[in-house]
Full PDB file with SEQRES, HELIX, SHEET, SSBOND, CRYST1, ORIGX, SCALE, CONECT and MASTER records, all heavy atoms in Angstrom:
SEQRES   1 A   38  VAL GLY LEU LEU ARG LYS GLN ALA GLN GLU ASP SER SER          
SEQRES   2 A   38  LEU ASP GLY ALA VAL PRO ILE PRO LEU GLU SER GLY SER          
SEQRES   3 A   38  GLY GLU GLU GLU LEU GLU ARG VAL ILE GLN ALA VAL              
HELIX    1 AA1 GLY A    2  GLU A   10  1                                   9    
HELIX    2 AA2 GLU A   28  ALA A   37  1                                  10    
CRYST1    1.000    1.000    1.000  90.00  90.00  90.00 P 1           1          
ORIGX1      1.000000  0.000000  0.000000        0.00000                         
ORIGX2      0.000000  1.000000  0.000000        0.00000                         
ORIGX3      0.000000  0.000000  1.000000        0.00000                         
SCALE1      1.000000  0.000000  0.000000        0.00000                         
SCALE2      0.000000  1.000000  0.000000        0.00000                         
SCALE3      0.000000  0.000000  1.000000        0.00000                         
ATOM      1  N   VAL A   1     121.837  97.804  59.270  1.00  0.00           N  
ATOM      2  CA  VAL A   1     120.417  97.963  58.950  1.00  0.00           C  
ATOM      3  C   VAL A   1     119.723  96.597  58.939  1.00  0.00           C  
ATOM      4  O   VAL A   1     118.580  96.454  59.421  1.00  0.00           O  
ATOM      5  CB  VAL A   1     120.235  98.677  57.593  1.00  0.00           C  
ATOM      6  CG1 VAL A   1     118.775  98.659  57.156  1.00  0.00           C  
ATOM      7  CG2 VAL A   1     120.753 100.113  57.684  1.00  0.00           C  
ATOM      8  N   GLY A   2     120.407  95.585  58.425  1.00  0.00           N  
ATOM      9  CA  GLY A   2     119.837  94.241  58.413  1.00  0.00           C  
ATOM     10  C   GLY A   2     119.548  93.725  59.823  1.00  0.00           C  
ATOM     11  O   GLY A   2     118.494  93.122  60.072  1.00  0.00           O  
ATOM     12  N   LEU A   3     120.474  93.988  60.750  1.00  0.00           N  
ATOM     13  CA  LEU A   3     120.262  93.581  62.145  1.00  0.00           C  
ATOM     14  C   LEU A   3     119.097  94.337  62.758  1.00  0.00           C  
ATOM     15  O   LEU A   3     118.278  93.768  63.490  1.00  0.00           O  
ATOM     16  CB  LEU A   3     121.530  93.842  62.968  1.00  0.00           C  
ATOM     17  CG  LEU A   3     122.500  92.687  63.188  1.00  0.00           C  
ATOM     18  CD1 LEU A   3     123.618  93.118  64.137  1.00  0.00           C  
ATOM     19  CD2 LEU A   3     121.790  91.460  63.755  1.00  0.00           C  
ATOM     20  N   LEU A   4     119.014  95.628  62.477  1.00  0.00           N  
ATOM     21  CA  LEU A   4     117.912  96.435  63.002  1.00  0.00           C  
ATOM     22  C   LEU A   4     116.571  95.956  62.436  1.00  0.00           C  
ATOM     23  O   LEU A   4     115.560  95.909  63.149  1.00  0.00           O  
ATOM     24  CB  LEU A   4     118.127  97.914  62.665  1.00  0.00           C  
ATOM     25  CG  LEU A   4     119.210  98.637  63.481  1.00  0.00           C  
ATOM     26  CD1 LEU A   4     119.591  99.946  62.815  1.00  0.00           C  
ATOM     27  CD2 LEU A   4     118.737  98.887  64.916  1.00  0.00           C  
ATOM     28  N   ARG A   5     116.563  95.601  61.148  1.00  0.00           N  
ATOM     29  CA  ARG A   5     115.329  95.112  60.526  1.00  0.00           C  
ATOM     30  C   ARG A   5     114.890  93.794  61.172  1.00  0.00           C  
ATOM     31  O   ARG A   5     113.702  93.587  61.467  1.00  0.00           O  
ATOM     32  CB  ARG A   5     115.545  94.935  59.021  1.00  0.00           C  
ATOM     33  CG  ARG A   5     114.291  94.537  58.268  1.00  0.00           C  
ATOM     34  CD  ARG A   5     114.547  94.433  56.783  1.00  0.00           C  
ATOM     35  NE  ARG A   5     114.620  95.752  56.147  1.00  0.00           N  
ATOM     36  CZ  ARG A   5     115.681  96.242  55.513  1.00  0.00           C  
ATOM     37  NH1 ARG A   5     116.796  95.517  55.432  1.00  0.00           N  
ATOM     38  NH2 ARG A   5     115.658  97.438  54.971  1.00  0.00           N  
ATOM     39  N   LYS A   6     115.864  92.903  61.424  1.00  0.00           N  
ATOM     40  CA  LYS A   6     115.566  91.635  62.083  1.00  0.00           C  
ATOM     41  C   LYS A   6     115.015  91.879  63.489  1.00  0.00           C  
ATOM     42  O   LYS A   6     114.038  91.243  63.917  1.00  0.00           O  
ATOM     43  CB  LYS A   6     116.825  90.764  62.137  1.00  0.00           C  
ATOM     44  CG  LYS A   6     116.596  89.389  62.742  1.00  0.00           C  
ATOM     45  CD  LYS A   6     117.895  88.602  62.771  1.00  0.00           C  
ATOM     46  CE  LYS A   6     117.673  87.241  63.446  1.00  0.00           C  
ATOM     47  NZ  LYS A   6     118.940  86.477  63.586  1.00  0.00           N  
ATOM     48  N   GLN A   7     115.634  92.812  64.212  1.00  0.00           N  
ATOM     49  CA  GLN A   7     115.162  93.146  65.552  1.00  0.00           C  
ATOM     50  C   GLN A   7     113.750  93.724  65.500  1.00  0.00           C  
ATOM     51  O   GLN A   7     112.904  93.423  66.342  1.00  0.00           O  
ATOM     52  CB  GLN A   7     116.118  94.158  66.213  1.00  0.00           C  
ATOM     53  CG  GLN A   7     115.761  94.508  67.659  1.00  0.00           C  
ATOM     54  CD  GLN A   7     115.884  93.324  68.587  1.00  0.00           C  
ATOM     55  OE1 GLN A   7     116.902  92.645  68.605  1.00  0.00           O  
ATOM     56  NE2 GLN A   7     114.833  93.072  69.358  1.00  0.00           N  
ATOM     57  N   ALA A   8     113.487  94.550  64.491  1.00  0.00           N  
ATOM     58  CA  ALA A   8     112.155  95.147  64.338  1.00  0.00           C  
ATOM     59  C   ALA A   8     111.093  94.080  64.118  1.00  0.00           C  
ATOM     60  O   ALA A   8     109.971  94.188  64.623  1.00  0.00           O  
ATOM     61  CB  ALA A   8     112.161  96.142  63.178  1.00  0.00           C  
ATOM     62  N   GLN A   9     111.447  93.037  63.371  1.00  0.00           N  
ATOM     63  CA  GLN A   9     110.508  91.934  63.159  1.00  0.00           C  
ATOM     64  C   GLN A   9     110.206  91.216  64.472  1.00  0.00           C  
ATOM     65  O   GLN A   9     109.057  90.866  64.769  1.00  0.00           O  
ATOM     66  CB  GLN A   9     111.083  90.955  62.134  1.00  0.00           C  
ATOM     67  CG  GLN A   9     111.140  91.525  60.712  1.00  0.00           C  
ATOM     68  CD  GLN A   9     111.959  90.658  59.770  1.00  0.00           C  
ATOM     69  OE1 GLN A   9     112.702  89.777  60.204  1.00  0.00           O  
ATOM     70  NE2 GLN A   9     111.839  90.924  58.471  1.00  0.00           N  
ATOM     71  N   GLU A  10     111.256  91.019  65.295  1.00  0.00           N  
ATOM     72  CA  GLU A  10     111.063  90.367  66.595  1.00  0.00           C  
ATOM     73  C   GLU A  10     110.232  91.243  67.538  1.00  0.00           C  
ATOM     74  O   GLU A  10     109.533  90.741  68.420  1.00  0.00           O  
ATOM     75  CB  GLU A  10     112.425  90.063  67.231  1.00  0.00           C  
ATOM     76  CG  GLU A  10     113.237  89.031  66.480  1.00  0.00           C  
ATOM     77  CD  GLU A  10     114.636  88.863  67.044  1.00  0.00           C  
ATOM     78  OE1 GLU A  10     114.903  89.398  68.147  1.00  0.00           O  
ATOM     79  OE2 GLU A  10     115.464  88.197  66.401  1.00  0.00           O  
ATOM     80  N   ASP A  11     110.321  92.564  67.334  1.00  0.00           N  
ATOM     81  CA  ASP A  11     109.621  93.514  68.213  1.00  0.00           C  
ATOM     82  C   ASP A  11     108.213  93.843  67.737  1.00  0.00           C  
ATOM     83  O   ASP A  11     107.526  94.666  68.352  1.00  0.00           O  
ATOM     84  CB  ASP A  11     110.418  94.836  68.291  1.00  0.00           C  
ATOM     85  CG  ASP A  11     111.753  94.668  68.985  1.00  0.00           C  
ATOM     86  OD1 ASP A  11     111.915  93.688  69.731  1.00  0.00           O  
ATOM     87  OD2 ASP A  11     112.624  95.536  68.776  1.00  0.00           O  
ATOM     88  N   SER A  12     107.771  93.211  66.646  1.00  0.00           N  
ATOM     89  CA  SER A  12     106.536  93.650  65.983  1.00  0.00           C  
ATOM     90  C   SER A  12     105.308  93.646  66.894  1.00  0.00           C  
ATOM     91  O   SER A  12     104.359  94.405  66.658  1.00  0.00           O  
ATOM     92  CB  SER A  12     106.268  92.785  64.748  1.00  0.00           C  
ATOM     93  OG  SER A  12     106.132  91.418  65.139  1.00  0.00           O  
ATOM     94  N   SER A  13     105.324  92.827  67.928  1.00  0.00           N  
ATOM     95  CA  SER A  13     104.161  92.764  68.818  1.00  0.00           C  
ATOM     96  C   SER A  13     104.223  93.792  69.955  1.00  0.00           C  
ATOM     97  O   SER A  13     103.264  93.924  70.717  1.00  0.00           O  
ATOM     98  CB  SER A  13     104.039  91.360  69.424  1.00  0.00           C  
ATOM     99  OG  SER A  13     105.183  91.066  70.209  1.00  0.00           O  
ATOM    100  N   LEU A  14     105.328  94.498  70.054  1.00  0.00           N  
ATOM    101  CA  LEU A  14     105.485  95.477  71.136  1.00  0.00           C  
ATOM    102  C   LEU A  14     104.759  96.777  70.807  1.00  0.00           C  
ATOM    103  O   LEU A  14     104.699  97.195  69.649  1.00  0.00           O  
ATOM    104  CB  LEU A  14     106.963  95.765  71.384  1.00  0.00           C  
ATOM    105  CG  LEU A  14     107.829  94.578  71.839  1.00  0.00           C  
ATOM    106  CD1 LEU A  14     109.265  95.032  72.040  1.00  0.00           C  
ATOM    107  CD2 LEU A  14     107.281  93.956  73.116  1.00  0.00           C  
ATOM    108  N   ASP A  15     104.250  97.423  71.828  1.00  0.00           N  
ATOM    109  CA  ASP A  15     103.526  98.679  71.656  1.00  0.00           C  
ATOM    110  C   ASP A  15     104.464  99.766  71.123  1.00  0.00           C  
ATOM    111  O   ASP A  15     105.517 100.008  71.710  1.00  0.00           O  
ATOM    112  CB  ASP A  15     102.934  99.114  73.003  1.00  0.00           C  
ATOM    113  CG  ASP A  15     102.042 100.331  72.864  1.00  0.00           C  
ATOM    114  OD1 ASP A  15     101.308 100.416  71.862  1.00  0.00           O  
ATOM    115  OD2 ASP A  15     102.094 101.202  73.753  1.00  0.00           O  
ATOM    116  N   GLY A  16     104.091 100.374  70.024  1.00  0.00           N  
ATOM    117  CA  GLY A  16     104.882 101.464  69.460  1.00  0.00           C  
ATOM    118  C   GLY A  16     106.033 101.037  68.581  1.00  0.00           C  
ATOM    119  O   GLY A  16     106.793 101.877  68.083  1.00  0.00           O  
ATOM    120  N   ALA A  17     106.202  99.742  68.378  1.00  0.00           N  
ATOM    121  CA  ALA A  17     107.311  99.229  67.572  1.00  0.00           C  
ATOM    122  C   ALA A  17     107.277  99.803  66.150  1.00  0.00           C  
ATOM    123  O   ALA A  17     106.214 100.003  65.582  1.00  0.00           O  
ATOM    124  CB  ALA A  17     107.264  97.710  67.510  1.00  0.00           C  
ATOM    125  N   VAL A  18     108.464 100.053  65.607  1.00  0.00           N  
ATOM    126  CA  VAL A  18     108.568 100.671  64.281  1.00  0.00           C  
ATOM    127  C   VAL A  18     109.143  99.661  63.288  1.00  0.00           C  
ATOM    128  O   VAL A  18     110.310  99.270  63.403  1.00  0.00           O  
ATOM    129  CB  VAL A  18     109.480 101.919  64.328  1.00  0.00           C  
ATOM    130  CG1 VAL A  18     109.583 102.547  62.941  1.00  0.00           C  
ATOM    131  CG2 VAL A  18     108.959 102.922  65.343  1.00  0.00           C  
ATOM    132  N   PRO A  19     108.381  99.202  62.306  1.00  0.00           N  
ATOM    133  CA  PRO A  19     108.901  98.258  61.315  1.00  0.00           C  
ATOM    134  C   PRO A  19     109.860  98.947  60.340  1.00  0.00           C  
ATOM    135  O   PRO A  19     109.786 100.157  60.124  1.00  0.00           O  
ATOM    136  CB  PRO A  19     107.635  97.780  60.599  1.00  0.00           C  
ATOM    137  CG  PRO A  19     106.675  98.929  60.733  1.00  0.00           C  
ATOM    138  CD  PRO A  19     106.968  99.563  62.069  1.00  0.00           C  
ATOM    139  N   ILE A  20     110.759  98.158  59.765  1.00  0.00           N  
ATOM    140  CA  ILE A  20     111.698  98.680  58.773  1.00  0.00           C  
ATOM    141  C   ILE A  20     111.462  97.909  57.474  1.00  0.00           C  
ATOM    142  O   ILE A  20     111.795  96.722  57.373  1.00  0.00           O  
ATOM    143  CB  ILE A  20     113.159  98.521  59.227  1.00  0.00           C  
ATOM    144  CG1 ILE A  20     113.388  99.267  60.548  1.00  0.00           C  
ATOM    145  CG2 ILE A  20     114.114  99.027  58.139  1.00  0.00           C  
ATOM    146  CD1 ILE A  20     114.755  99.046  61.154  1.00  0.00           C  
ATOM    147  N   PRO A  21     110.867  98.532  56.463  1.00  0.00           N  
ATOM    148  CA  PRO A  21     110.553  97.810  55.219  1.00  0.00           C  
ATOM    149  C   PRO A  21     111.813  97.460  54.443  1.00  0.00           C  
ATOM    150  O   PRO A  21     112.877  98.079  54.613  1.00  0.00           O  
ATOM    151  CB  PRO A  21     109.699  98.824  54.445  1.00  0.00           C  
ATOM    152  CG  PRO A  21     110.119 100.159  54.972  1.00  0.00           C  
ATOM    153  CD  PRO A  21     110.461  99.951  56.416  1.00  0.00           C  
ATOM    154  N   LEU A  22     111.692  96.463  53.587  1.00  0.00           N  
ATOM    155  CA  LEU A  22     112.782  96.122  52.679  1.00  0.00           C  
ATOM    156  C   LEU A  22     112.864  97.164  51.578  1.00  0.00           C  
ATOM    157  O   LEU A  22     111.863  97.793  51.221  1.00  0.00           O  
ATOM    158  CB  LEU A  22     112.544  94.745  52.063  1.00  0.00           C  
ATOM    159  CG  LEU A  22     112.768  93.551  52.996  1.00  0.00           C  
ATOM    160  CD1 LEU A  22     112.196  92.280  52.359  1.00  0.00           C  
ATOM    161  CD2 LEU A  22     114.262  93.375  53.283  1.00  0.00           C  
ATOM    162  N   GLU A  23     114.059  97.326  51.059  1.00  0.00           N  
ATOM    163  CA  GLU A  23     114.273  98.293  49.971  1.00  0.00           C  
ATOM    164  C   GLU A  23     114.123  97.564  48.637  1.00  0.00           C  
ATOM    165  O   GLU A  23     114.783  96.543  48.402  1.00  0.00           O  
ATOM    166  CB  GLU A  23     115.679  98.887  50.100  1.00  0.00           C  
ATOM    167  CG  GLU A  23     115.947 100.066  49.203  1.00  0.00           C  
ATOM    168  CD  GLU A  23     117.394 100.546  49.360  1.00  0.00           C  
ATOM    169  OE1 GLU A  23     118.103 100.020  50.219  1.00  0.00           O  
ATOM    170  OE2 GLU A  23     117.792 101.424  48.584  1.00  0.00           O  
ATOM    171  N   SER A  24     113.256  98.047  47.775  1.00  0.00           N  
ATOM    172  CA  SER A  24     113.033  97.361  46.492  1.00  0.00           C  
ATOM    173  C   SER A  24     113.786  98.022  45.343  1.00  0.00           C  
ATOM    174  O   SER A  24     113.700  97.590  44.202  1.00  0.00           O  
ATOM    175  CB  SER A  24     111.535  97.336  46.172  1.00  0.00           C  
ATOM    176  OG  SER A  24     111.042  98.659  46.022  1.00  0.00           O  
ATOM    177  N   GLY A  25     114.515  99.077  45.644  1.00  0.00           N  
ATOM    178  CA  GLY A  25     115.345  99.721  44.634  1.00  0.00           C  
ATOM    179  C   GLY A  25     114.589 100.558  43.637  1.00  0.00           C  
ATOM    180  O   GLY A  25     114.980 100.641  42.471  1.00  0.00           O  
ATOM    181  N   SER A  26     113.490 101.182  44.076  1.00  0.00           N  
ATOM    182  CA  SER A  26     112.675 101.949  43.128  1.00  0.00           C  
ATOM    183  C   SER A  26     112.818 103.459  43.330  1.00  0.00           C  
ATOM    184  O   SER A  26     111.839 104.178  43.323  1.00  0.00           O  
ATOM    185  CB  SER A  26     111.212 101.533  43.259  1.00  0.00           C  
ATOM    186  OG  SER A  26     110.744 101.777  44.567  1.00  0.00           O  
ATOM    187  N   GLY A  27     114.041 103.917  43.552  1.00  0.00           N  
ATOM    188  CA  GLY A  27     114.272 105.351  43.521  1.00  0.00           C  
ATOM    189  C   GLY A  27     114.571 106.008  44.854  1.00  0.00           C  
ATOM    190  O   GLY A  27     114.493 105.403  45.923  1.00  0.00           O  
ATOM    191  N   GLU A  28     114.911 107.302  44.724  1.00  0.00           N  
ATOM    192  CA  GLU A  28     115.357 108.100  45.865  1.00  0.00           C  
ATOM    193  C   GLU A  28     114.266 108.252  46.922  1.00  0.00           C  
ATOM    194  O   GLU A  28     114.538 108.215  48.113  1.00  0.00           O  
ATOM    195  CB  GLU A  28     115.782 109.493  45.359  1.00  0.00           C  
ATOM    196  CG  GLU A  28     116.567 110.315  46.371  1.00  0.00           C  
ATOM    197  CD  GLU A  28     117.969 109.775  46.608  1.00  0.00           C  
ATOM    198  OE1 GLU A  28     118.509 109.096  45.713  1.00  0.00           O  
ATOM    199  OE2 GLU A  28     118.500 110.031  47.702  1.00  0.00           O  
ATOM    200  N   GLU A  29     113.048 108.409  46.471  1.00  0.00           N  
ATOM    201  CA  GLU A  29     111.951 108.626  47.424  1.00  0.00           C  
ATOM    202  C   GLU A  29     111.752 107.420  48.334  1.00  0.00           C  
ATOM    203  O   GLU A  29     111.561 107.561  49.539  1.00  0.00           O  
ATOM    204  CB  GLU A  29     110.654 108.926  46.657  1.00  0.00           C  
ATOM    205  CG  GLU A  29     109.522 109.386  47.548  1.00  0.00           C  
ATOM    206  CD  GLU A  29     108.302 109.802  46.742  1.00  0.00           C  
ATOM    207  OE1 GLU A  29     108.469 110.487  45.696  1.00  0.00           O  
ATOM    208  OE2 GLU A  29     107.188 109.441  47.157  1.00  0.00           O  
ATOM    209  N   GLU A  30     111.846 106.239  47.743  1.00  0.00           N  
ATOM    210  CA  GLU A  30     111.675 105.033  48.565  1.00  0.00           C  
ATOM    211  C   GLU A  30     112.859 104.863  49.514  1.00  0.00           C  
ATOM    212  O   GLU A  30     112.692 104.441  50.661  1.00  0.00           O  
ATOM    213  CB  GLU A  30     111.545 103.805  47.675  1.00  0.00           C  
ATOM    214  CG  GLU A  30     110.989 102.615  48.457  1.00  0.00           C  
ATOM    215  CD  GLU A  30     111.639 101.300  48.070  1.00  0.00           C  
ATOM    216  OE1 GLU A  30     112.691 101.305  47.410  1.00  0.00           O  
ATOM    217  OE2 GLU A  30     111.080 100.282  48.448  1.00  0.00           O  
ATOM    218  N   LEU A  31     114.058 105.172  49.044  1.00  0.00           N  
ATOM    219  CA  LEU A  31     115.242 105.086  49.901  1.00  0.00           C  
ATOM    220  C   LEU A  31     115.070 105.972  51.135  1.00  0.00           C  
ATOM    221  O   LEU A  31     115.358 105.555  52.263  1.00  0.00           O  
ATOM    222  CB  LEU A  31     116.490 105.502  49.123  1.00  0.00           C  
ATOM    223  CG  LEU A  31     117.794 105.603  49.935  1.00  0.00           C  
ATOM    224  CD1 LEU A  31     118.133 104.270  50.581  1.00  0.00           C  
ATOM    225  CD2 LEU A  31     118.940 106.086  49.047  1.00  0.00           C  
ATOM    226  N   GLU A  32     114.573 107.196  50.902  1.00  0.00           N  
ATOM    227  CA  GLU A  32     114.343 108.115  52.027  1.00  0.00           C  
ATOM    228  C   GLU A  32     113.312 107.537  52.998  1.00  0.00           C  
ATOM    229  O   GLU A  32     113.437 107.705  54.221  1.00  0.00           O  
ATOM    230  CB  GLU A  32     113.876 109.484  51.517  1.00  0.00           C  
ATOM    231  CG  GLU A  32     115.006 110.376  51.028  1.00  0.00           C  
ATOM    232  CD  GLU A  32     115.987 110.723  52.143  1.00  0.00           C  
ATOM    233  OE1 GLU A  32     115.541 111.181  53.215  1.00  0.00           O  
ATOM    234  OE2 GLU A  32     117.201 110.508  51.955  1.00  0.00           O  
ATOM    235  N   ARG A  33     112.329 106.862  52.467  1.00  0.00           N  
ATOM    236  CA  ARG A  33     111.288 106.267  53.311  1.00  0.00           C  
ATOM    237  C   ARG A  33     111.880 105.170  54.204  1.00  0.00           C  
ATOM    238  O   ARG A  33     111.559 105.069  55.384  1.00  0.00           O  
ATOM    239  CB  ARG A  33     110.183 105.693  52.427  1.00  0.00           C  
ATOM    240  CG  ARG A  33     108.981 105.153  53.190  1.00  0.00           C  
ATOM    241  CD  ARG A  33     107.847 104.800  52.225  1.00  0.00           C  
ATOM    242  NE  ARG A  33     108.233 103.763  51.280  1.00  0.00           N  
ATOM    243  CZ  ARG A  33     108.143 102.454  51.518  1.00  0.00           C  
ATOM    244  NH1 ARG A  33     107.658 102.034  52.676  1.00  0.00           N  
ATOM    245  NH2 ARG A  33     108.498 101.578  50.602  1.00  0.00           N  
ATOM    246  N   VAL A  34     112.771 104.345  53.623  1.00  0.00           N  
ATOM    247  CA  VAL A  34     113.402 103.270  54.393  1.00  0.00           C  
ATOM    248  C   VAL A  34     114.337 103.859  55.450  1.00  0.00           C  
ATOM    249  O   VAL A  34     114.341 103.424  56.607  1.00  0.00           O  
ATOM    250  CB  VAL A  34     114.165 102.304  53.465  1.00  0.00           C  
ATOM    251  CG1 VAL A  34     114.909 101.257  54.293  1.00  0.00           C  
ATOM    252  CG2 VAL A  34     113.211 101.635  52.494  1.00  0.00           C  
ATOM    253  N   ILE A  35     115.130 104.845  55.042  1.00  0.00           N  
ATOM    254  CA  ILE A  35     116.050 105.481  55.996  1.00  0.00           C  
ATOM    255  C   ILE A  35     115.277 106.100  57.151  1.00  0.00           C  
ATOM    256  O   ILE A  35     115.655 105.970  58.322  1.00  0.00           O  
ATOM    257  CB  ILE A  35     116.936 106.531  55.282  1.00  0.00           C  
ATOM    258  CG1 ILE A  35     117.977 105.832  54.407  1.00  0.00           C  
ATOM    259  CG2 ILE A  35     117.621 107.450  56.302  1.00  0.00           C  
ATOM    260  CD1 ILE A  35     118.840 106.770  53.584  1.00  0.00           C  
ATOM    261  N   GLN A  36     114.166 106.762  56.840  1.00  0.00           N  
ATOM    262  CA  GLN A  36     113.360 107.375  57.897  1.00  0.00           C  
ATOM    263  C   GLN A  36     112.808 106.313  58.851  1.00  0.00           C  
ATOM    264  O   GLN A  36     112.733 106.538  60.062  1.00  0.00           O  
ATOM    265  CB  GLN A  36     112.209 108.182  57.298  1.00  0.00           C  
ATOM    266  CG  GLN A  36     111.417 108.988  58.327  1.00  0.00           C  
ATOM    267  CD  GLN A  36     112.286 109.990  59.071  1.00  0.00           C  
ATOM    268  OE1 GLN A  36     112.983 110.804  58.457  1.00  0.00           O  
ATOM    269  NE2 GLN A  36     112.261 109.938  60.401  1.00  0.00           N  
ATOM    270  N   ALA A  37     112.459 105.147  58.313  1.00  0.00           N  
ATOM    271  CA  ALA A  37     111.976 104.056  59.169  1.00  0.00           C  
ATOM    272  C   ALA A  37     113.076 103.578  60.117  1.00  0.00           C  
ATOM    273  O   ALA A  37     112.818 103.302  61.297  1.00  0.00           O  
ATOM    274  CB  ALA A  37     111.479 102.900  58.307  1.00  0.00           C  
ATOM    275  N   VAL A  38     114.308 103.502  59.605  1.00  0.00           N  
ATOM    276  CA  VAL A  38     115.435 103.112  60.462  1.00  0.00           C  
ATOM    277  C   VAL A  38     115.645 104.163  61.554  1.00  0.00           C  
ATOM    278  O   VAL A  38     115.823 103.826  62.736  1.00  0.00           O  
ATOM    279  CB  VAL A  38     116.731 102.932  59.634  1.00  0.00           C  
ATOM    280  CG1 VAL A  38     117.902 102.596  60.559  1.00  0.00           C  
ATOM    281  CG2 VAL A  38     116.561 101.847  58.577  1.00  0.00           C  
TER     282      VAL A  38                                                      
MASTER        0    0    0    2    0    0    0    6  281    1    0    3          
END                                                                             
């Protein structure tokens, strides 16, 4: 996931690129949001 997040940052200027947010540890709902981004 860390590698994918780094790649997403490098791809940020590409059309349609999907960012992967950092996980702040604030519960199941946020975890699902991060997983869905991956």
